[in-house]
Amino acid sequence: MKASWFWAGNALLMESDELIVRMRERINWLEQRADEEAHLREDEIRRREEESRRREDAERRVAELQAELERVRAAQK
């Protein structure tokens, strides 16, 4: 493969092979970042779902205890 040159004015920026290598490295880095961010989002979603389940369980338990308290109070009358 014949190397190409990239220039900015009179300054040589890099050869095409070097540019390709750098672009591949950058793509790999971006893919890793995207994967990491996706995992973080998934973890956050799971955490929020678990918090929601716990809150619903606690609210259900409070309602059960309130109903039981009302039954006990009614039985004492």
Protein backbone atom coordinates (compact mmCIF):
# COMPACT_ATOMS: atom_id res chain seq x y z
CA MET A 1 0.00 0.00 0.00
CA LYS A 2 1.37 3.36 -0.97
CA ALA A 3 1.53 5.76 1.97
CA SER A 4 -0.30 9.02 1.70
CA TRP A 5 0.75 12.18 3.45
CA PHE A 6 -1.46 14.65 5.25
CA TRP A 7 -0.37 18.25 5.37
CA ALA A 8 -1.53 21.36 7.19
CA GLY A 9 0.07 24.24 5.37
CA ASN A 10 3.75 23.33 5.18
CA ALA A 11 3.67 20.98 8.19
CA LEU A 12 3.44 17.22 7.69
CA LEU A 13 0.71 15.91 9.95
CA MET A 14 1.09 12.16 9.53
CA GLU A 15 1.17 9.31 7.06
CA SER A 16 -2.07 7.54 6.18
CA ASP A 17 -0.92 4.34 7.96
CA GLU A 18 -0.31 6.27 11.16
CA LEU A 19 -3.66 8.02 10.79
CA ILE A 20 -5.44 4.68 10.36
CA VAL A 21 -3.74 3.25 13.45
CA ARG A 22 -4.68 6.29 15.52
CA MET A 23 -8.26 6.23 14.27
CA ARG A 24 -8.59 2.51 15.13
CA GLU A 25 -7.19 3.18 18.61
CA ARG A 26 -9.66 6.02 19.07
CA ILE A 27 -12.56 3.85 17.86
CA ASN A 28 -11.56 1.08 20.29
CA TRP A 29 -11.34 3.60 23.14
CA LEU A 30 -14.76 5.04 22.26
CA GLU A 31 -16.30 1.56 22.10
CA GLN A 32 -14.88 0.74 25.54
CA ARG A 33 -16.25 3.98 26.96
CA ALA A 34 -19.67 3.30 25.42
CA ASP A 35 -19.68 -0.22 26.91
CA GLU A 36 -18.67 1.10 30.34
CA GLU A 37 -21.36 3.77 30.25
CA ALA A 38 -23.97 1.23 29.15
CA HIS A 39 -23.02 -1.02 32.09
CA LEU A 40 -23.25 1.93 34.48
CA ARG A 41 -26.70 2.82 33.13
CA GLU A 42 -27.84 -0.80 33.47
CA ASP A 43 -26.53 -0.92 37.06
CA GLU A 44 -28.35 2.32 37.87
CA ILE A 45 -31.59 0.97 36.38
CA ARG A 46 -31.27 -2.23 38.43
CA ARG A 47 -30.54 -0.22 41.59
CA ARG A 48 -33.59 2.00 41.06
CA GLU A 49 -35.82 -1.01 40.36
CA GLU A 50 -34.60 -2.67 43.55
CA GLU A 51 -35.22 0.51 45.56
CA SER A 52 -38.71 0.71 44.08
CA ARG A 53 -39.42 -2.93 45.01
CA ARG A 54 -38.17 -2.34 48.56
CA ARG A 55 -40.29 0.80 48.91
CA GLU A 56 -43.39 -1.03 47.63
CA ASP A 57 -42.70 -3.92 50.04
CA ALA A 58 -42.31 -1.48 52.93
CA GLU A 59 -45.52 0.35 52.01
CA ARG A 60 -47.38 -2.96 51.76
CA ARG A 61 -46.03 -4.05 55.16
CA VAL A 62 -47.04 -0.72 56.74
CA ALA A 63 -50.57 -1.16 55.36
CA GLU A 64 -50.70 -4.71 56.75
CA LEU A 65 -49.53 -3.53 60.18
CA GLN A 66 -52.04 -0.67 60.20
CA ALA A 67 -54.85 -3.10 59.34
CA GLU A 68 -53.68 -5.46 62.09
CA LEU A 69 -53.56 -2.56 64.59
CA GLU A 70 -57.11 -1.57 63.66
CA ARG A 71 -58.28 -5.18 64.17
CA VAL A 72 -56.61 -5.31 67.60
CA ARG A 73 -58.13 -1.97 68.63
CA ALA A 74 -61.56 -3.10 67.41
CA ALA A 75 -61.24 -6.35 69.37
CA GLN A 76 -60.40 -4.42 72.56
CA LYS A 77 -63.64 -2.39 72.43
